[in-house]
Amino acid sequence: MTDFAQRRTTMVDTQVRPSDVTKFPIIDAMLTVPREMFVPAEKRDVAYVGEHIRLDTDRVVLDARTLAKMLEVANIENDELVLDIGAGLGYSSALAAHMADAVIALEDSAEKVANAEAALSEAGIDNIAVVEGPLADGAEQHGPYDVILIQGGVGQVPDALVAQLKNGGRIVAIHNDGAMGVVKIGHMTDGRINWRDAFNGTAPALPGFEKVSAFAL
């Protein structure tokens, strides 16, 4: 029988801690949340490898290093509301819920919502609401949010999504640029978003987050 608890410990010791992730709530969440329950059943044996786990053609569970560092820069507090966009089966939402007051997990189909709800229920995590809608639209009806996490690569972040942040809120996204990418954090201050680079990282592009090319007439 596979010892998933030992694999979680090994993941944290070899993928997370060496990446300068030091906040105890993140380490504790990654040691506690059963990653194998949030990947397709046939991929449970590879749930703890140090790479993205494919969910379907353009969706993944982010690798532990990238996700842990995103959570580190997001700096989620225990009284905050988080929007997790492209939550998949709910692993990223489960980690965020370990630190936040509550999480809204957004997925783009009824089937994905049902699958995420089933995985989260099986894991016994009850401070997450899974909702359905276009990923790029966010979930305005449940906001505004202290933190927004985007679980995939983006060309740009839509203004309508940024507008769902509270003043003082943060948004963390993997900005793809060809084969390269950088994770950026945006801080909302007085109605304006200010972005800064956090660390290098890439992920498959999320639908609806493509960069709109500017052109002149």
Protein backbone atom coordinates (compact mmCIF):
# COMPACT_ATOMS: atom_id res chain seq x y z
CA MET A 1 0.00 0.00 0.00
CA THR A 2 1.33 3.43 -0.98
CA ASP A 3 2.45 5.59 1.95
CA PHE A 4 1.11 8.94 0.76
CA ALA A 5 1.89 10.64 4.07
CA GLN A 6 5.57 9.82 3.59
CA ARG A 7 5.39 11.10 0.02
CA ARG A 8 3.94 14.38 1.30
CA THR A 9 6.83 14.74 3.72
CA THR A 10 9.33 14.00 0.95
CA MET A 11 7.61 16.53 -1.34
CA VAL A 12 7.90 19.24 1.29
CA ASP A 13 11.51 18.36 2.14
CA THR A 14 12.74 18.13 -1.46
CA GLN A 15 10.51 20.50 -3.45
CA VAL A 16 9.07 23.10 -1.08
CA ARG A 17 11.61 23.89 1.65
CA PRO A 18 14.57 24.12 -0.80
CA SER A 19 12.60 26.76 -2.74
CA ASP A 20 12.81 29.16 0.22
CA VAL A 21 9.20 28.64 1.30
CA THR A 22 9.34 29.17 5.05
CA LYS A 23 5.89 30.23 6.26
CA PHE A 24 4.59 27.60 8.70
CA PRO A 25 0.95 27.67 7.50
CA ILE A 26 2.07 26.74 3.96
CA ILE A 27 4.36 23.94 5.14
CA ASP A 28 1.63 22.66 7.45
CA ALA A 29 -0.98 22.75 4.67
CA MET A 30 1.25 20.86 2.26
CA LEU A 31 2.00 18.24 4.89
CA THR A 32 -1.70 17.92 5.72
CA VAL A 33 -3.70 18.18 2.48
CA PRO A 34 -3.73 14.85 0.60
CA ARG A 35 -2.58 15.88 -2.90
CA GLU A 36 -3.32 12.39 -4.23
CA MET A 37 -7.04 12.98 -3.67
CA PHE A 38 -7.04 15.99 -6.01
CA VAL A 39 -5.62 14.39 -9.15
CA PRO A 40 -7.32 11.89 -11.50
CA ALA A 41 -7.50 8.45 -9.87
CA GLU A 42 -5.16 6.91 -12.43
CA LYS A 43 -2.48 9.51 -11.57
CA ARG A 44 -2.46 9.16 -7.80
CA ASP A 45 0.82 7.26 -7.84
CA VAL A 46 2.53 10.24 -9.50
CA ALA A 47 0.76 12.93 -7.46
CA TYR A 48 3.96 13.91 -5.63
CA VAL A 49 6.43 14.13 -8.52
CA GLY A 50 7.99 17.55 -8.90
CA GLU A 51 6.04 18.64 -11.97
CA HIS A 52 2.57 19.72 -13.05
CA ILE A 53 -0.03 16.92 -13.09
CA ARG A 54 -2.20 16.96 -16.20
CA LEU A 55 -5.97 17.15 -15.63
CA ASP A 56 -7.01 17.51 -19.28
CA THR A 57 -5.70 19.05 -22.49
CA ASP A 58 -5.03 22.53 -21.12
CA ARG A 59 -5.38 22.20 -17.35
CA VAL A 60 -2.96 21.03 -14.67
CA VAL A 61 -2.45 20.79 -10.94
CA LEU A 62 0.53 23.10 -10.48
CA ASP A 63 3.74 21.52 -9.22
CA ALA A 64 4.34 21.85 -5.48
CA ARG A 65 7.23 24.33 -5.80
CA THR A 66 5.29 26.79 -7.97
CA LEU A 67 2.12 26.58 -5.91
CA ALA A 68 3.92 26.89 -2.59
CA LYS A 69 5.83 29.97 -3.76
CA MET A 70 2.60 31.53 -5.08
CA LEU A 71 1.05 31.03 -1.64
CA GLU A 72 4.18 32.48 -0.02
CA VAL A 73 3.97 35.73 -1.98
CA ALA A 74 0.16 35.90 -1.56
CA ASN A 75 0.63 35.88 2.24
CA ILE A 76 -2.92 34.74 3.02
CA GLU A 77 -4.19 35.64 6.51
CA ASN A 78 -6.72 33.64 8.52
CA ASP A 79 -9.46 36.29 8.27
CA GLU A 80 -9.27 36.66 4.47
CA LEU A 81 -11.49 35.61 1.55
CA VAL A 82 -9.71 33.98 -1.40
CA LEU A 83 -10.86 33.46 -5.00
CA ASP A 84 -9.13 30.46 -6.61
CA ILE A 85 -9.56 30.55 -10.39
CA GLY A 86 -9.28 27.30 -12.34
CA ALA A 87 -9.32 25.24 -9.16
CA GLY A 88 -9.39 21.88 -10.95
CA LEU A 89 -10.21 19.16 -8.45
CA GLY A 90 -9.54 21.60 -5.61
CA TYR A 91 -5.97 21.02 -4.41
CA SER A 92 -4.94 24.69 -4.56
CA SER A 93 -8.23 25.69 -2.91
CA ALA A 94 -7.68 23.15 -0.14
CA LEU A 95 -4.23 24.57 0.57
CA ALA A 96 -5.54 28.15 0.59
CA ALA A 97 -8.45 27.13 2.83
CA HIS A 98 -5.93 25.87 5.37
CA MET A 99 -4.79 29.49 5.78
CA ALA A 100 -7.83 31.62 4.86
CA ASP A 101 -11.22 32.21 6.45
CA ALA A 102 -12.97 30.98 3.30
CA VAL A 103 -12.27 30.19 -0.36
CA ILE A 104 -14.38 30.54 -3.49
CA ALA A 105 -13.18 27.93 -6.00
CA LEU A 106 -14.13 28.80 -9.59
CA GLU A 107 -14.48 26.25 -12.38
CA ASP A 108 -15.94 26.54 -15.87
CA SER A 109 -18.27 23.53 -16.11
CA ALA A 110 -20.82 21.71 -13.99
CA GLU A 111 -18.81 18.49 -14.30
CA LYS A 112 -15.63 20.11 -12.96
CA VAL A 113 -17.58 21.72 -10.12
CA ALA A 114 -19.10 18.36 -9.14
CA ASN A 115 -15.72 16.61 -9.27
CA ALA A 116 -14.10 19.30 -7.10
CA GLU A 117 -16.96 19.20 -4.59
CA ALA A 118 -16.63 15.42 -4.34
CA ALA A 119 -12.86 15.57 -3.74
CA LEU A 120 -13.15 18.33 -1.15
CA SER A 121 -15.95 16.51 0.64
CA GLU A 122 -13.91 13.32 0.74
CA ALA A 123 -11.00 15.27 2.21
CA GLY A 124 -13.29 16.79 4.85
CA ILE A 125 -12.64 20.44 3.90
CA ASP A 126 -15.70 22.59 4.52
CA ASN A 127 -14.71 26.26 4.17
CA ILE A 128 -14.71 26.21 0.36
CA ALA A 129 -17.60 26.99 -1.99
CA VAL A 130 -17.15 25.69 -5.55
CA VAL A 131 -18.92 27.82 -8.16
CA GLU A 132 -19.34 27.62 -11.93
CA GLY A 133 -18.62 30.35 -14.46
CA PRO A 134 -16.18 31.60 -17.10
CA LEU A 135 -12.76 31.72 -15.48
CA ALA A 136 -11.81 35.14 -16.84
CA ASP A 137 -14.99 36.68 -15.37
CA GLY A 138 -14.13 35.74 -11.80
CA ALA A 139 -16.98 35.49 -9.30
CA GLU A 140 -18.01 39.06 -8.58
CA GLN A 141 -21.15 38.03 -6.71
CA HIS A 142 -19.09 36.50 -3.90
CA GLY A 143 -16.42 39.23 -3.67
CA PRO A 144 -14.65 41.48 -3.19
CA TYR A 145 -11.62 39.37 -2.34
CA ASP A 146 -8.50 39.78 -0.27
CA VAL A 147 -6.55 37.39 -2.50
CA ILE A 148 -7.06 36.04 -6.04
CA LEU A 149 -5.02 33.04 -7.23
CA ILE A 150 -4.96 31.96 -10.89
CA GLN A 151 -4.13 28.29 -11.48
CA GLY A 152 -2.57 28.49 -14.92
CA GLY A 153 -0.67 30.70 -17.30
CA VAL A 154 -2.05 34.04 -18.46
CA GLY A 155 -1.22 36.46 -21.24
CA GLN A 156 -2.93 39.20 -19.30
CA VAL A 157 -5.32 39.53 -16.36
CA PRO A 158 -8.69 41.06 -17.32
CA ASP A 159 -9.55 44.40 -15.72
CA ALA A 160 -12.93 42.99 -14.64
CA LEU A 161 -11.13 40.40 -12.55
CA VAL A 162 -8.72 42.88 -10.97
CA ALA A 163 -11.74 45.00 -10.02
CA GLN A 164 -12.91 42.20 -7.71
CA LEU A 165 -9.98 42.83 -5.34
CA LYS A 166 -10.44 44.73 -2.11
CA ASN A 167 -8.23 47.72 -1.47
CA GLY A 168 -5.03 46.19 -0.12
CA GLY A 169 -5.82 42.90 -1.87
CA ARG A 170 -3.36 40.78 -3.85
CA ILE A 171 -3.57 38.79 -7.06
CA VAL A 172 -0.98 36.16 -8.03
CA ALA A 173 -0.68 34.91 -11.61
CA ILE A 174 1.78 33.10 -13.86
CA HIS A 175 2.44 35.47 -16.76
CA ASN A 176 3.54 33.47 -19.81
CA ASP A 177 5.76 34.97 -22.49
CA GLY A 178 6.44 32.34 -25.12
CA ALA A 179 8.35 29.47 -23.52
CA MET A 180 9.31 31.66 -20.58
CA GLY A 181 7.19 32.85 -17.71
CA VAL A 182 7.24 34.79 -14.49
CA VAL A 183 4.93 34.71 -11.51
CA LYS A 184 3.82 38.23 -10.62
CA ILE A 185 1.95 39.61 -7.65
CA GLY A 186 -0.34 42.59 -8.05
CA HIS A 187 -1.23 44.81 -5.10
CA MET A 188 -4.46 46.85 -5.20
CA THR A 189 -3.91 50.33 -3.78
CA ASP A 190 -6.46 53.12 -4.08
CA GLY A 191 -8.13 51.49 -7.08
CA ARG A 192 -4.89 50.84 -8.97
CA ILE A 193 -3.06 47.55 -9.43
CA ASN A 194 0.71 47.55 -9.12
CA TRP A 195 2.52 44.45 -10.38
CA ARG A 196 5.95 43.17 -9.43
CA ASP A 197 7.88 40.07 -10.45
CA ALA A 198 8.09 37.36 -7.80
CA PHE A 199 9.84 34.33 -9.36
CA ASN A 200 10.15 32.39 -12.61
CA GLY A 201 7.45 29.84 -13.46
CA THR A 202 5.35 28.56 -16.35
CA ALA A 203 2.06 26.71 -16.79
CA PRO A 204 -0.34 25.92 -19.64
CA ALA A 205 -2.39 28.95 -20.64
CA LEU A 206 -5.86 29.19 -19.15
CA PRO A 207 -8.68 29.77 -21.64
CA GLY A 208 -9.91 33.36 -21.63
CA PHE A 209 -6.65 34.86 -20.40
CA GLU A 210 -4.96 35.31 -23.77
CA LYS A 211 -3.11 38.56 -24.36
CA VAL A 212 -5.01 40.97 -26.58
CA SER A 213 -2.69 42.36 -29.26
CA ALA A 214 -2.67 46.11 -29.61
CA PHE A 215 -2.80 47.51 -33.13
CA ALA A 216 -2.92 50.88 -34.75
CA LEU A 217 -5.30 52.00 -37.51
